[in-house]
Structures are given as C-alpha cells and as structure tokens.
C-alpha cells in the first residue's frame, strides 16, 4: 500500500492537467451533467487525445523544478 499515494497523485494530476480541459468534462458530479447528455468524443478519440497529452505534456513534467526526474510508474 505504500504506492497508494503515488497512484492517487498521478490520477489527481491527470484530472487537473488533462481531464478538466477536455471539451465535455463535467467533473465527478452527476448533477452537473444535465438531462440531455451527448457524447463529445468517442472512446478512441479520447484515448488518442490522452496519449498525445501523455507524450507531449505529462512526461515532460520531469524537467520542472522540484521534480524527481522520474515518472511514478
């Protein structure tokens, strides 16, 4: 269980640095979704977008000040 913090921090980073900037994001609250919800992305499109973000943005964060220089996984 000692890696739980690393996993939780990674998911928090993905949420704040990627998810909330994707069109159609409504957060974790189902009340914000409304009654007539339409998908903005297909699963494949979202996976492609996430992969691009991982390569272009997230993995480059290791060069930021205070970084340990390694990806947690």
PDB file of N, CA and C in Angstrom:
ATOM      1  N   UNK A   1       0.803  -1.199   0.000  1.00  0.00           N
ATOM      2  CA  UNK A   1       0.000   0.000   0.000  1.00  0.00           C
ATOM      3  C   UNK A   1       0.850   1.268   0.000  1.00  0.00           C
ATOM      4  N   UNK A   2       2.155   1.145   0.061  1.00  0.00           N
ATOM      5  CA  UNK A   2       2.977   2.341   0.125  1.00  0.00           C
ATOM      6  C   UNK A   2       2.946   3.146  -1.171  1.00  0.00           C
ATOM      7  N   UNK A   3       2.548   2.519  -2.275  1.00  0.00           N
ATOM      8  CA  UNK A   3       2.480   3.223  -3.557  1.00  0.00           C
ATOM      9  C   UNK A   3       1.145   3.925  -3.775  1.00  0.00           C
ATOM     10  N   UNK A   4       0.222   3.779  -2.840  1.00  0.00           N
ATOM     11  CA  UNK A   4      -1.101   4.373  -2.996  1.00  0.00           C
ATOM     12  C   UNK A   4      -1.023   5.880  -3.217  1.00  0.00           C
ATOM     13  N   UNK A   5      -0.145   6.555  -2.481  1.00  0.00           N
ATOM     14  CA  UNK A   5       0.000   7.996  -2.630  1.00  0.00           C
ATOM     15  C   UNK A   5       0.467   8.396  -4.010  1.00  0.00           C
ATOM     16  N   UNK A   6       1.379   7.608  -4.582  1.00  0.00           N
ATOM     17  CA  UNK A   6       1.879   7.886  -5.932  1.00  0.00           C
ATOM     18  C   UNK A   6       0.754   7.727  -6.944  1.00  0.00           C
ATOM     19  N   UNK A   7      -0.024   6.671  -6.788  1.00  0.00           N
ATOM     20  CA  UNK A   7      -1.139   6.417  -7.708  1.00  0.00           C
ATOM     21  C   UNK A   7      -2.183   7.523  -7.588  1.00  0.00           C
ATOM     22  N   UNK A   8      -2.552   7.878  -6.361  1.00  0.00           N
ATOM     23  CA  UNK A   8      -3.543   8.932  -6.144  1.00  0.00           C
ATOM     24  C   UNK A   8      -3.057  10.263  -6.710  1.00  0.00           C
ATOM     25  N   UNK A   9      -1.793  10.584  -6.519  1.00  0.00           N
ATOM     26  CA  UNK A   9      -1.240  11.848  -7.032  1.00  0.00           C
ATOM     27  C   UNK A   9      -1.230  11.853  -8.558  1.00  0.00           C
ATOM     28  N   UNK A  10      -0.922  10.707  -9.153  1.00  0.00           N
ATOM     29  CA  UNK A  10      -0.923  10.611 -10.612  1.00  0.00           C
ATOM     30  C   UNK A  10      -2.322  10.857 -11.165  1.00  0.00           C
ATOM     31  N   UNK A  11      -3.336  10.221 -10.553  1.00  0.00           N
ATOM     32  CA  UNK A  11      -4.708  10.443 -11.012  1.00  0.00           C
ATOM     33  C   UNK A  11      -5.154  11.890 -10.779  1.00  0.00           C
ATOM     34  N   UNK A  12      -4.741  12.486  -9.670  1.00  0.00           N
ATOM     35  CA  UNK A  12      -5.085  13.887  -9.412  1.00  0.00           C
ATOM     36  C   UNK A  12      -4.445  14.794 -10.466  1.00  0.00           C
ATOM     37  N   UNK A  13      -3.205  14.488 -10.838  1.00  0.00           N
ATOM     38  CA  UNK A  13      -2.530  15.279 -11.880  1.00  0.00           C
ATOM     39  C   UNK A  13      -3.228  15.140 -13.218  1.00  0.00           C
ATOM     40  N   UNK A  14      -3.619  13.927 -13.566  1.00  0.00           N
ATOM     41  CA  UNK A  14      -4.337  13.699 -14.829  1.00  0.00           C
ATOM     42  C   UNK A  14      -5.646  14.485 -14.830  1.00  0.00           C
ATOM     43  N   UNK A  15      -6.330  14.479 -13.705  1.00  0.00           N
ATOM     44  CA  UNK A  15      -7.600  15.206 -13.609  1.00  0.00           C
ATOM     45  C   UNK A  15      -7.400  16.709 -13.768  1.00  0.00           C
ATOM     46  N   UNK A  16      -6.425  17.280 -13.071  1.00  0.00           N
ATOM     47  CA  UNK A  16      -6.260  18.734 -13.106  1.00  0.00           C
ATOM     48  C   UNK A  16      -5.534  19.229 -14.351  1.00  0.00           C
ATOM     49  N   UNK A  17      -4.642  18.423 -14.902  1.00  0.00           N
ATOM     50  CA  UNK A  17      -3.850  18.877 -16.046  1.00  0.00           C
ATOM     51  C   UNK A  17      -4.429  18.454 -17.393  1.00  0.00           C
ATOM     52  N   UNK A  18      -5.270  17.425 -17.408  1.00  0.00           N
ATOM     53  CA  UNK A  18      -5.821  16.941 -18.676  1.00  0.00           C
ATOM     54  C   UNK A  18      -7.348  16.978 -18.697  1.00  0.00           C
ATOM     55  N   UNK A  19      -7.964  16.205 -17.851  1.00  0.00           N
ATOM     56  CA  UNK A  19      -9.419  15.998 -17.927  1.00  0.00           C
ATOM     57  C   UNK A  19     -10.233  17.278 -17.915  1.00  0.00           C
ATOM     58  N   UNK A  20      -9.936  18.171 -16.991  1.00  0.00           N
ATOM     59  CA  UNK A  20     -10.778  19.357 -16.869  1.00  0.00           C
ATOM     60  C   UNK A  20     -10.671  20.306 -18.057  1.00  0.00           C
ATOM     61  N   UNK A  21      -9.700  20.070 -18.934  1.00  0.00           N
ATOM     62  CA  UNK A  21      -9.544  20.922 -20.119  1.00  0.00           C
ATOM     63  C   UNK A  21     -10.124  20.298 -21.387  1.00  0.00           C
ATOM     64  N   UNK A  22     -10.657  19.088 -21.262  1.00  0.00           N
ATOM     65  CA  UNK A  22     -11.233  18.388 -22.409  1.00  0.00           C
ATOM     66  C   UNK A  22     -12.692  18.806 -22.573  1.00  0.00           C
ATOM     67  N   UNK A  23     -13.074  19.132 -23.794  1.00  0.00           N
ATOM     68  CA  UNK A  23     -14.458  19.528 -24.072  1.00  0.00           C
ATOM     69  C   UNK A  23     -15.409  18.430 -23.611  1.00  0.00           C
ATOM     70  N   UNK A  24     -16.442  18.817 -22.901  1.00  0.00           N
ATOM     71  CA  UNK A  24     -17.434  17.871 -22.422  1.00  0.00           C
ATOM     72  C   UNK A  24     -17.206  17.425 -20.986  1.00  0.00           C
ATOM     73  N   UNK A  25     -16.104  17.826 -20.372  1.00  0.00           N
ATOM     74  CA  UNK A  25     -15.811  17.437 -18.995  1.00  0.00           C
ATOM     75  C   UNK A  25     -16.809  18.086 -18.040  1.00  0.00           C
ATOM     76  N   UNK A  26     -17.395  17.285 -17.169  1.00  0.00           N
ATOM     77  CA  UNK A  26     -18.355  17.810 -16.193  1.00  0.00           C
ATOM     78  C   UNK A  26     -17.937  17.499 -14.761  1.00  0.00           C
ATOM     79  N   UNK A  27     -16.807  16.897 -14.572  1.00  0.00           N
ATOM     80  CA  UNK A  27     -16.350  16.577 -13.226  1.00  0.00           C
ATOM     81  C   UNK A  27     -16.993  15.313 -12.703  1.00  0.00           C
ATOM     82  N   UNK A  28     -16.900  15.138 -11.411  1.00  0.00           N
ATOM     83  CA  UNK A  28     -17.417  13.915 -10.805  1.00  0.00           C
ATOM     84  C   UNK A  28     -18.878  14.032 -10.388  1.00  0.00           C
ATOM     85  N   UNK A  29     -19.453  15.206 -10.502  1.00  0.00           N
ATOM     86  CA  UNK A  29     -20.828  15.411 -10.063  1.00  0.00           C
ATOM     87  C   UNK A  29     -21.819  15.061 -11.170  1.00  0.00           C
ATOM     88  N   UNK A  30     -22.657  14.071 -10.919  1.00  0.00           N
ATOM     89  CA  UNK A  30     -23.665  13.685 -11.912  1.00  0.00           C
ATOM     90  C   UNK A  30     -24.746  14.742 -12.052  1.00  0.00           C
ATOM     91  N   UNK A  31     -24.899  15.600 -11.058  1.00  0.00           N
ATOM     92  CA  UNK A  31     -25.920  16.649 -11.138  1.00  0.00           C
ATOM     93  C   UNK A  31     -25.556  17.720 -12.147  1.00  0.00           C
ATOM     94  N   UNK A  32     -24.286  17.854 -12.473  1.00  0.00           N
ATOM     95  CA  UNK A  32     -23.846  18.858 -13.447  1.00  0.00           C
ATOM     96  C   UNK A  32     -23.989  18.368 -14.883  1.00  0.00           C
ATOM     97  N   UNK A  33     -24.348  17.118 -15.077  1.00  0.00           N
ATOM     98  CA  UNK A  33     -24.416  16.547 -16.419  1.00  0.00           C
ATOM     99  C   UNK A  33     -25.692  16.919 -17.163  1.00  0.00           C
ATOM    100  N   UNK A  34     -26.715  17.264 -16.450  1.00  0.00           N
ATOM    101  CA  UNK A  34     -27.956  17.632 -17.111  1.00  0.00           C
ATOM    102  C   UNK A  34     -28.758  16.421 -17.566  1.00  0.00           C
ATOM    103  N   UNK A  35     -29.900  16.683 -18.210  1.00  0.00           N
ATOM    104  CA  UNK A  35     -30.795  15.614 -18.639  1.00  0.00           C
ATOM    105  C   UNK A  35     -30.468  15.092 -20.031  1.00  0.00           C
ATOM    106  N   UNK A  36     -30.076  15.982 -20.932  1.00  0.00           N
ATOM    107  CA  UNK A  36     -29.834  15.594 -22.322  1.00  0.00           C
ATOM    108  C   UNK A  36     -28.330  15.630 -22.599  1.00  0.00           C
ATOM    109  N   UNK A  37     -27.652  14.537 -22.277  1.00  0.00           N
ATOM    110  CA  UNK A  37     -26.202  14.473 -22.411  1.00  0.00           C
ATOM    111  C   UNK A  37     -25.827  13.820 -23.735  1.00  0.00           C
ATOM    112  N   UNK A  38     -24.971  14.484 -24.480  1.00  0.00           N
ATOM    113  CA  UNK A  38     -24.471  13.954 -25.747  1.00  0.00           C
ATOM    114  C   UNK A  38     -22.962  13.775 -25.639  1.00  0.00           C
ATOM    115  N   UNK A  39     -22.463  12.673 -26.152  1.00  0.00           N
ATOM    116  CA  UNK A  39     -21.025  12.426 -26.129  1.00  0.00           C
ATOM    117  C   UNK A  39     -20.310  13.419 -27.040  1.00  0.00           C
ATOM    118  N   UNK A  40     -19.194  13.945 -26.567  1.00  0.00           N
ATOM    119  CA  UNK A  40     -18.394  14.871 -27.348  1.00  0.00           C
ATOM    120  C   UNK A  40     -17.303  14.107 -28.095  1.00  0.00           C
ATOM    121  N   UNK A  41     -16.773  13.059 -27.473  1.00  0.00           N
ATOM    122  CA  UNK A  41     -15.675  12.268 -28.029  1.00  0.00           C
ATOM    123  C   UNK A  41     -16.063  10.794 -28.059  1.00  0.00           C
ATOM    124  N   UNK A  42     -15.537  10.074 -29.029  1.00  0.00           N
ATOM    125  CA  UNK A  42     -15.636   8.616 -28.972  1.00  0.00           C
ATOM    126  C   UNK A  42     -14.534   8.135 -28.026  1.00  0.00           C
ATOM    127  N   UNK A  43     -14.622   6.914 -27.578  1.00  0.00           N
ATOM    128  CA  UNK A  43     -13.590   6.364 -26.702  1.00  0.00           C
ATOM    129  C   UNK A  43     -12.235   6.388 -27.407  1.00  0.00           C
ATOM    130  N   UNK A  44     -12.213   6.030 -28.681  1.00  0.00           N
ATOM    131  CA  UNK A  44     -10.956   6.013 -29.437  1.00  0.00           C
ATOM    132  C   UNK A  44     -10.371   7.426 -29.553  1.00  0.00           C
ATOM    133  N   UNK A  45     -11.217   8.419 -29.846  1.00  0.00           N
ATOM    134  CA  UNK A  45     -10.739   9.801 -29.950  1.00  0.00           C
ATOM    135  C   UNK A  45     -10.173  10.296 -28.620  1.00  0.00           C
ATOM    136  N   UNK A  46     -10.864   9.964 -27.534  1.00  0.00           N
ATOM    137  CA  UNK A  46     -10.403  10.379 -26.219  1.00  0.00           C
ATOM    138  C   UNK A  46      -9.094   9.676 -25.854  1.00  0.00           C
ATOM    139  N   UNK A  47      -8.976   8.406 -26.187  1.00  0.00           N
ATOM    140  CA  UNK A  47      -7.736   7.665 -25.933  1.00  0.00           C
ATOM    141  C   UNK A  47      -6.585   8.262 -26.733  1.00  0.00           C
ATOM    142  N   UNK A  48      -6.829   8.612 -27.981  1.00  0.00           N
ATOM    143  CA  UNK A  48      -5.795   9.234 -28.813  1.00  0.00           C
ATOM    144  C   UNK A  48      -5.366  10.585 -28.238  1.00  0.00           C
ATOM    145  N   UNK A  49      -6.335  11.384 -27.821  1.00  0.00           N
ATOM    146  CA  UNK A  49      -6.047  12.686 -27.233  1.00  0.00           C
ATOM    147  C   UNK A  49      -5.225  12.528 -25.950  1.00  0.00           C
ATOM    148  N   UNK A  50      -5.616  11.553 -25.127  1.00  0.00           N
ATOM    149  CA  UNK A  50      -4.899  11.309 -23.876  1.00  0.00           C
ATOM    150  C   UNK A  50      -3.468  10.843 -24.143  1.00  0.00           C
ATOM    151  N   UNK A  51      -3.296   9.972 -25.119  1.00  0.00           N
ATOM    152  CA  UNK A  51      -1.944   9.502 -25.469  1.00  0.00           C
ATOM    153  C   UNK A  51      -1.069  10.662 -25.944  1.00  0.00           C
ATOM    154  N   UNK A  52      -1.630  11.531 -26.770  1.00  0.00           N
ATOM    155  CA  UNK A  52      -0.881  12.702 -27.229  1.00  0.00           C
ATOM    156  C   UNK A  52      -0.486  13.584 -26.055  1.00  0.00           C
ATOM    157  N   UNK A  53      -1.427  13.797 -25.130  1.00  0.00           N
ATOM    158  CA  UNK A  53      -1.147  14.618 -23.961  1.00  0.00           C
ATOM    159  C   UNK A  53      -0.060  13.985 -23.086  1.00  0.00           C
ATOM    160  N   UNK A  54      -0.143  12.664 -22.900  1.00  0.00           N
ATOM    161  CA  UNK A  54       0.881  11.981 -22.098  1.00  0.00           C
ATOM    162  C   UNK A  54       2.278  12.216 -22.663  1.00  0.00           C
ATOM    163  N   UNK A  55       2.402  12.065 -23.967  1.00  0.00           N
ATOM    164  CA  UNK A  55       3.705  12.211 -24.617  1.00  0.00           C
ATOM    165  C   UNK A  55       4.165  13.658 -24.633  1.00  0.00           C
ATOM    166  N   UNK A  56       3.278  14.559 -25.013  1.00  0.00           N
ATOM    167  CA  UNK A  56       3.671  15.958 -25.204  1.00  0.00           C
ATOM    168  C   UNK A  56       3.764  16.755 -23.908  1.00  0.00           C
ATOM    169  N   UNK A  57       2.950  16.428 -22.930  1.00  0.00           N
ATOM    170  CA  UNK A  57       2.871  17.281 -21.743  1.00  0.00           C
ATOM    171  C   UNK A  57       3.286  16.587 -20.450  1.00  0.00           C
ATOM    172  N   UNK A  58       2.670  15.477 -20.152  1.00  0.00           N
ATOM    173  CA  UNK A  58       2.865  14.870 -18.839  1.00  0.00           C
ATOM    174  C   UNK A  58       4.277  14.327 -18.649  1.00  0.00           C
ATOM    175  N   UNK A  59       4.795  13.615 -19.623  1.00  0.00           N
ATOM    176  CA  UNK A  59       6.127  13.044 -19.465  1.00  0.00           C
ATOM    177  C   UNK A  59       7.200  14.110 -19.433  1.00  0.00           C
ATOM    178  N   UNK A  60       6.931  15.283 -19.981  1.00  0.00           N
ATOM    179  CA  UNK A  60       7.890  16.385 -19.982  1.00  0.00           C
ATOM    180  C   UNK A  60       7.947  17.097 -18.636  1.00  0.00           C
ATOM    181  N   UNK A  61       7.019  16.802 -17.746  1.00  0.00           N
ATOM    182  CA  UNK A  61       6.967  17.450 -16.446  1.00  0.00           C
ATOM    183  C   UNK A  61       8.152  17.077 -15.574  1.00  0.00           C
ATOM    184  N   UNK A  62       8.896  16.046 -15.916  1.00  0.00           N
ATOM    185  CA  UNK A  62      10.033  15.635 -15.091  1.00  0.00           C
ATOM    186  C   UNK A  62      11.144  16.668 -15.108  1.00  0.00           C
ATOM    187  N   UNK A  63      11.119  17.597 -16.045  1.00  0.00           N
ATOM    188  CA  UNK A  63      12.157  18.629 -16.098  1.00  0.00           C
ATOM    189  C   UNK A  63      11.777  19.880 -15.313  1.00  0.00           C
ATOM    190  N   UNK A  64      10.594  19.872 -14.699  1.00  0.00           N
ATOM    191  CA  UNK A  64      10.147  21.024 -13.922  1.00  0.00           C
ATOM    192  C   UNK A  64      10.892  21.103 -12.595  1.00  0.00           C
ATOM    193  N   UNK A  65      11.061  22.307 -12.057  1.00  0.00           N
ATOM    194  CA  UNK A  65      11.717  22.460 -10.756  1.00  0.00           C
ATOM    195  C   UNK A  65      10.989  21.652  -9.681  1.00  0.00           C
ATOM    196  N   UNK A  66      11.739  20.976  -8.848  1.00  0.00           N
ATOM    197  CA  UNK A  66      11.143  20.174  -7.784  1.00  0.00           C
ATOM    198  C   UNK A  66      10.798  18.763  -8.200  1.00  0.00           C
ATOM    199  N   UNK A  67      10.990  18.445  -9.467  1.00  0.00           N
ATOM    200  CA  UNK A  67      10.680  17.113  -9.955  1.00  0.00           C
ATOM    201  C   UNK A  67      11.787  16.150  -9.562  1.00  0.00           C
ATOM    202  N   UNK A  68      11.411  14.891  -9.354  1.00  0.00           N
ATOM    203  CA  UNK A  68      12.392  13.865  -9.019  1.00  0.00           C
ATOM    204  C   UNK A  68      13.087  13.340 -10.262  1.00  0.00           C
ATOM    205  N   UNK A  69      12.544  13.690 -11.437  1.00  0.00           N
ATOM    206  CA  UNK A  69      13.163  13.243 -12.692  1.00  0.00           C
ATOM    207  C   UNK A  69      12.708  11.885 -13.145  1.00  0.00           C
ATOM    208  N   UNK A  70      11.681  11.347 -12.517  1.00  0.00           N
ATOM    209  CA  UNK A  70      11.202  10.045 -12.951  1.00  0.00           C
ATOM    210  C   UNK A  70       9.677  10.022 -12.938  1.00  0.00           C
ATOM    211  N   UNK A  71       9.133   9.261 -13.853  1.00  0.00           N
ATOM    212  CA  UNK A  71       7.691   9.082 -13.923  1.00  0.00           C
ATOM    213  C   UNK A  71       7.328   8.046 -12.858  1.00  0.00           C
ATOM    214  N   UNK A  72       6.238   8.257 -12.102  1.00  0.00           N
ATOM    215  CA  UNK A  72       5.941   7.380 -10.977  1.00  0.00           C
ATOM    216  C   UNK A  72       5.624   5.925 -11.340  1.00  0.00           C
ATOM    217  N   UNK A  73       5.422   5.625 -12.569  1.00  0.00           N
ATOM    218  CA  UNK A  73       5.187   4.235 -12.933  1.00  0.00           C
ATOM    219  C   UNK A  73       6.361   3.772 -13.698  1.00  0.00           C
TER     220      UNK A  73
END
